[in-house]
């Protein structure tokens, strides 16, 4: 099995699906949150976009410490999100294209102030990132639904795009 080819194919599929979602991003709703414990719409979407750059970080480091210089780019509108998605996707796909199968096996972790929160193989960390994109994009779909914004299909049609 060509693990890297499969990761690149899935990464690109998630990029294309996320781009459809971002094309529906509303004006003047950046601070919308469906609940006081929920992330704001712009923060949630920024996080989704940021994850597309993670393969570069994962493949070139041993860990990411959220307390040590992790600062996603601040964005203000749909155009910013689309530009950053493109940038992060290119960064992530290039890292995957430059990797060898042997680069997927070392351990990698997420930390906070030096303390490990989670640890995987680098392959597992990239897979976790892909899962995070899917998870948070589903949240974004709920936000859109509550705001009466069309929800694109992700892995087939949606109620708004029955022929997609």
C-alpha atoms as a PDB file:
ATOM      1  CA  UNK A   1       0.000   0.000   0.000  1.00  0.00           C
ATOM      2  CA  UNK A   2       1.231   3.495  -0.836  1.00  0.00           C
ATOM      3  CA  UNK A   3       0.409   5.285   2.412  1.00  0.00           C
ATOM      4  CA  UNK A   4       1.633   8.681   1.239  1.00  0.00           C
ATOM      5  CA  UNK A   5      -0.404   8.528  -1.974  1.00  0.00           C
ATOM      6  CA  UNK A   6      -3.502   7.708   0.063  1.00  0.00           C
ATOM      7  CA  UNK A   7      -2.801  10.579   2.483  1.00  0.00           C
ATOM      8  CA  UNK A   8      -2.241  13.029  -0.389  1.00  0.00           C
ATOM      9  CA  UNK A   9      -5.452  11.926  -2.118  1.00  0.00           C
ATOM     10  CA  UNK A  10      -7.487  12.286   1.075  1.00  0.00           C
ATOM     11  CA  UNK A  11      -5.808  15.593   1.923  1.00  0.00           C
ATOM     12  CA  UNK A  12      -6.738  16.978  -1.495  1.00  0.00           C
ATOM     13  CA  UNK A  13     -10.310  15.699  -1.203  1.00  0.00           C
ATOM     14  CA  UNK A  14     -10.676  17.408   2.190  1.00  0.00           C
ATOM     15  CA  UNK A  15      -9.207  20.600   0.735  1.00  0.00           C
ATOM     16  CA  UNK A  16     -11.735  20.623  -2.123  1.00  0.00           C
ATOM     17  CA  UNK A  17     -14.645  19.973   0.238  1.00  0.00           C
ATOM     18  CA  UNK A  18     -13.471  22.645   2.678  1.00  0.00           C
ATOM     19  CA  UNK A  19     -13.165  25.141  -0.174  1.00  0.00           C
ATOM     20  CA  UNK A  20     -16.873  24.571  -0.991  1.00  0.00           C
ATOM     21  CA  UNK A  21     -17.744  25.349   2.636  1.00  0.00           C
ATOM     22  CA  UNK A  22     -15.615  28.493   2.678  1.00  0.00           C
ATOM     23  CA  UNK A  23     -17.296  29.756  -0.474  1.00  0.00           C
ATOM     24  CA  UNK A  24     -20.498  30.016   1.613  1.00  0.00           C
ATOM     25  CA  UNK A  25     -18.855  31.876   4.513  1.00  0.00           C
ATOM     26  CA  UNK A  26     -21.157  34.783   5.489  1.00  0.00           C
ATOM     27  CA  UNK A  27     -20.378  38.457   5.898  1.00  0.00           C
ATOM     28  CA  UNK A  28     -20.846  40.062   9.308  1.00  0.00           C
ATOM     29  CA  UNK A  29     -21.116  36.764  11.231  1.00  0.00           C
ATOM     30  CA  UNK A  30     -17.514  36.299  12.417  1.00  0.00           C
ATOM     31  CA  UNK A  31     -18.532  36.478  16.086  1.00  0.00           C
ATOM     32  CA  UNK A  32     -21.538  34.170  15.772  1.00  0.00           C
ATOM     33  CA  UNK A  33     -21.574  31.175  18.117  1.00  0.00           C
ATOM     34  CA  UNK A  34     -24.587  28.922  18.688  1.00  0.00           C
ATOM     35  CA  UNK A  35     -23.791  28.564  22.405  1.00  0.00           C
ATOM     36  CA  UNK A  36     -21.621  30.383  24.941  1.00  0.00           C
ATOM     37  CA  UNK A  37     -19.279  27.364  25.075  1.00  0.00           C
ATOM     38  CA  UNK A  38     -18.975  27.191  21.281  1.00  0.00           C
ATOM     39  CA  UNK A  39     -16.155  28.688  19.255  1.00  0.00           C
ATOM     40  CA  UNK A  40     -16.994  31.793  17.268  1.00  0.00           C
ATOM     41  CA  UNK A  41     -17.568  31.209  13.564  1.00  0.00           C
ATOM     42  CA  UNK A  42     -14.343  32.894  12.420  1.00  0.00           C
ATOM     43  CA  UNK A  43     -12.264  31.132  15.089  1.00  0.00           C
ATOM     44  CA  UNK A  44     -13.701  27.735  14.114  1.00  0.00           C
ATOM     45  CA  UNK A  45     -13.108  28.333  10.431  1.00  0.00           C
ATOM     46  CA  UNK A  46      -9.598  29.682  11.042  1.00  0.00           C
ATOM     47  CA  UNK A  47      -8.799  26.483  12.940  1.00  0.00           C
ATOM     48  CA  UNK A  48     -10.033  24.313  10.060  1.00  0.00           C
ATOM     49  CA  UNK A  49      -7.913  26.250   7.570  1.00  0.00           C
ATOM     50  CA  UNK A  50      -4.849  26.148   9.829  1.00  0.00           C
ATOM     51  CA  UNK A  51      -4.905  22.350  10.075  1.00  0.00           C
ATOM     52  CA  UNK A  52      -4.099  22.079   6.360  1.00  0.00           C
ATOM     53  CA  UNK A  53      -0.572  23.288   7.176  1.00  0.00           C
ATOM     54  CA  UNK A  54      -0.029  20.720   9.903  1.00  0.00           C
ATOM     55  CA  UNK A  55       1.628  18.010   7.755  1.00  0.00           C
ATOM     56  CA  UNK A  56       4.590  20.360   7.263  1.00  0.00           C
ATOM     57  CA  UNK A  57       4.871  20.899  11.014  1.00  0.00           C
ATOM     58  CA  UNK A  58       4.363  17.224  11.847  1.00  0.00           C
ATOM     59  CA  UNK A  59       6.865  15.917   9.322  1.00  0.00           C
ATOM     60  CA  UNK A  60       9.560  18.445  10.277  1.00  0.00           C
ATOM     61  CA  UNK A  61       9.344  18.533  14.079  1.00  0.00           C
ATOM     62  CA  UNK A  62       9.022  16.178  17.036  1.00  0.00           C
ATOM     63  CA  UNK A  63       6.119  18.051  18.639  1.00  0.00           C
ATOM     64  CA  UNK A  64       3.979  21.165  18.680  1.00  0.00           C
ATOM     65  CA  UNK A  65       3.695  23.049  21.959  1.00  0.00           C
ATOM     66  CA  UNK A  66       0.599  25.251  21.868  1.00  0.00           C
ATOM     67  CA  UNK A  67       2.072  27.497  24.582  1.00  0.00           C
ATOM     68  CA  UNK A  68       5.297  28.085  22.657  1.00  0.00           C
ATOM     69  CA  UNK A  69       4.691  30.342  19.706  1.00  0.00           C
ATOM     70  CA  UNK A  70       1.618  28.758  18.136  1.00  0.00           C
ATOM     71  CA  UNK A  71      -0.274  31.671  16.592  1.00  0.00           C
ATOM     72  CA  UNK A  72      -2.591  30.923  13.661  1.00  0.00           C
ATOM     73  CA  UNK A  73      -2.973  33.784  11.195  1.00  0.00           C
ATOM     74  CA  UNK A  74      -5.887  36.066  12.092  1.00  0.00           C
ATOM     75  CA  UNK A  75      -8.440  36.397   9.324  1.00  0.00           C
ATOM     76  CA  UNK A  76     -11.332  38.777   8.860  1.00  0.00           C
ATOM     77  CA  UNK A  77     -13.443  37.566   5.944  1.00  0.00           C
ATOM     78  CA  UNK A  78     -14.124  34.889   3.352  1.00  0.00           C
ATOM     79  CA  UNK A  79     -11.378  36.110   1.035  1.00  0.00           C
ATOM     80  CA  UNK A  80      -8.796  35.867   3.832  1.00  0.00           C
ATOM     81  CA  UNK A  81      -9.979  32.348   4.627  1.00  0.00           C
ATOM     82  CA  UNK A  82      -9.782  31.215   1.001  1.00  0.00           C
ATOM     83  CA  UNK A  83      -6.295  32.693   0.561  1.00  0.00           C
ATOM     84  CA  UNK A  84      -5.043  31.106   3.772  1.00  0.00           C
ATOM     85  CA  UNK A  85      -6.623  27.755   2.859  1.00  0.00           C
ATOM     86  CA  UNK A  86      -4.747  27.826  -0.448  1.00  0.00           C
ATOM     87  CA  UNK A  87      -1.478  28.712   1.303  1.00  0.00           C
ATOM     88  CA  UNK A  88      -1.870  26.064   4.008  1.00  0.00           C
ATOM     89  CA  UNK A  89      -2.928  23.395   1.505  1.00  0.00           C
ATOM     90  CA  UNK A  90       0.131  24.064  -0.673  1.00  0.00           C
ATOM     91  CA  UNK A  91       2.369  23.891   2.405  1.00  0.00           C
ATOM     92  CA  UNK A  92       0.796  20.644   3.597  1.00  0.00           C
ATOM     93  CA  UNK A  93       0.709  18.880   0.223  1.00  0.00           C
ATOM     94  CA  UNK A  94       4.315  19.865  -0.506  1.00  0.00           C
ATOM     95  CA  UNK A  95       5.393  18.337   2.810  1.00  0.00           C
ATOM     96  CA  UNK A  96       3.567  15.123   1.940  1.00  0.00           C
ATOM     97  CA  UNK A  97       5.072  15.081  -1.558  1.00  0.00           C
ATOM     98  CA  UNK A  98       8.594  15.488  -0.133  1.00  0.00           C
ATOM     99  CA  UNK A  99       8.146  12.792   2.522  1.00  0.00           C
ATOM    100  CA  UNK A 100       9.100   9.146   2.347  1.00  0.00           C
ATOM    101  CA  UNK A 101       7.275   6.290   4.004  1.00  0.00           C
ATOM    102  CA  UNK A 102      10.025   6.187   6.650  1.00  0.00           C
ATOM    103  CA  UNK A 103       9.116   9.751   7.682  1.00  0.00           C
ATOM    104  CA  UNK A 104       5.692   8.568   8.880  1.00  0.00           C
ATOM    105  CA  UNK A 105       6.902   6.273  11.669  1.00  0.00           C
ATOM    106  CA  UNK A 106       8.634   8.491  14.273  1.00  0.00           C
ATOM    107  CA  UNK A 107       6.583   9.651  17.241  1.00  0.00           C
ATOM    108  CA  UNK A 108       5.078  13.132  17.307  1.00  0.00           C
ATOM    109  CA  UNK A 109       3.124  14.896  20.055  1.00  0.00           C
ATOM    110  CA  UNK A 110       0.998  17.881  20.946  1.00  0.00           C
ATOM    111  CA  UNK A 111       2.105  19.595  24.132  1.00  0.00           C
ATOM    112  CA  UNK A 112       1.083  22.416  26.407  1.00  0.00           C
ATOM    113  CA  UNK A 113       3.849  24.063  28.406  1.00  0.00           C
ATOM    114  CA  UNK A 114       6.079  21.057  27.738  1.00  0.00           C
ATOM    115  CA  UNK A 115       3.548  18.494  28.948  1.00  0.00           C
ATOM    116  CA  UNK A 116       2.406  15.903  26.391  1.00  0.00           C
ATOM    117  CA  UNK A 117      -1.317  16.065  25.721  1.00  0.00           C
ATOM    118  CA  UNK A 118      -1.435  13.481  22.932  1.00  0.00           C
ATOM    119  CA  UNK A 119       1.099  11.391  21.040  1.00  0.00           C
ATOM    120  CA  UNK A 120       0.981   9.403  17.804  1.00  0.00           C
ATOM    121  CA  UNK A 121       3.275   8.243  15.047  1.00  0.00           C
ATOM    122  CA  UNK A 122       3.690  11.025  12.488  1.00  0.00           C
ATOM    123  CA  UNK A 123       1.291   9.072  10.271  1.00  0.00           C
ATOM    124  CA  UNK A 124      -1.203   8.953  13.148  1.00  0.00           C
ATOM    125  CA  UNK A 125      -0.793  12.684  13.773  1.00  0.00           C
ATOM    126  CA  UNK A 126      -1.515  13.493  10.117  1.00  0.00           C
ATOM    127  CA  UNK A 127      -4.546  11.176  10.206  1.00  0.00           C
ATOM    128  CA  UNK A 128      -5.684  12.927  13.390  1.00  0.00           C
ATOM    129  CA  UNK A 129      -5.400  16.253  11.558  1.00  0.00           C
ATOM    130  CA  UNK A 130      -7.575  14.930   8.739  1.00  0.00           C
ATOM    131  CA  UNK A 131     -10.101  13.751  11.324  1.00  0.00           C
ATOM    132  CA  UNK A 132     -10.023  17.199  12.933  1.00  0.00           C
ATOM    133  CA  UNK A 133     -10.800  18.841   9.591  1.00  0.00           C
ATOM    134  CA  UNK A 134     -13.800  16.553   9.133  1.00  0.00           C
ATOM    135  CA  UNK A 135     -14.996  17.043  12.704  1.00  0.00           C
ATOM    136  CA  UNK A 136     -14.751  20.825  12.714  1.00  0.00           C
ATOM    137  CA  UNK A 137     -16.178  21.168   9.204  1.00  0.00           C
ATOM    138  CA  UNK A 138     -19.235  19.242  10.423  1.00  0.00           C
ATOM    139  CA  UNK A 139     -19.519  21.793  13.228  1.00  0.00           C
ATOM    140  CA  UNK A 140     -19.294  24.530  10.608  1.00  0.00           C
ATOM    141  CA  UNK A 141     -22.174  22.866   8.769  1.00  0.00           C
ATOM    142  CA  UNK A 142     -24.296  23.101  11.923  1.00  0.00           C
ATOM    143  CA  UNK A 143     -23.443  26.798  12.269  1.00  0.00           C
ATOM    144  CA  UNK A 144     -24.441  27.320   8.639  1.00  0.00           C
ATOM    145  CA  UNK A 145     -27.694  25.450   9.123  1.00  0.00           C
ATOM    146  CA  UNK A 146     -28.561  27.576  12.169  1.00  0.00           C
ATOM    147  CA  UNK A 147     -27.767  30.726  10.170  1.00  0.00           C
ATOM    148  CA  UNK A 148     -29.847  29.472   7.210  1.00  0.00           C
ATOM    149  CA  UNK A 149     -26.759  29.263   4.986  1.00  0.00           C
ATOM    150  CA  UNK A 150     -26.568  26.535   2.356  1.00  0.00           C
ATOM    151  CA  UNK A 151     -24.540  23.528   3.512  1.00  0.00           C
ATOM    152  CA  UNK A 152     -22.505  21.915   0.720  1.00  0.00           C
ATOM    153  CA  UNK A 153     -22.268  18.152   0.453  1.00  0.00           C
ATOM    154  CA  UNK A 154     -19.141  16.645   1.976  1.00  0.00           C
ATOM    155  CA  UNK A 155     -19.155  12.965   1.036  1.00  0.00           C
ATOM    156  CA  UNK A 156     -22.241  13.052  -1.132  1.00  0.00           C
ATOM    157  CA  UNK A 157     -25.259  15.305  -1.395  1.00  0.00           C
ATOM    158  CA  UNK A 158     -26.640  17.479   1.385  1.00  0.00           C
ATOM    159  CA  UNK A 159     -30.212  18.639   1.941  1.00  0.00           C
ATOM    160  CA  UNK A 160     -29.175  21.868   0.173  1.00  0.00           C
ATOM    161  CA  UNK A 161     -27.351  20.180  -2.703  1.00  0.00           C
ATOM    162  CA  UNK A 162     -29.334  16.977  -3.385  1.00  0.00           C
ATOM    163  CA  UNK A 163     -27.742  16.438  -6.808  1.00  0.00           C
ATOM    164  CA  UNK A 164     -24.150  17.015  -5.726  1.00  0.00           C
END
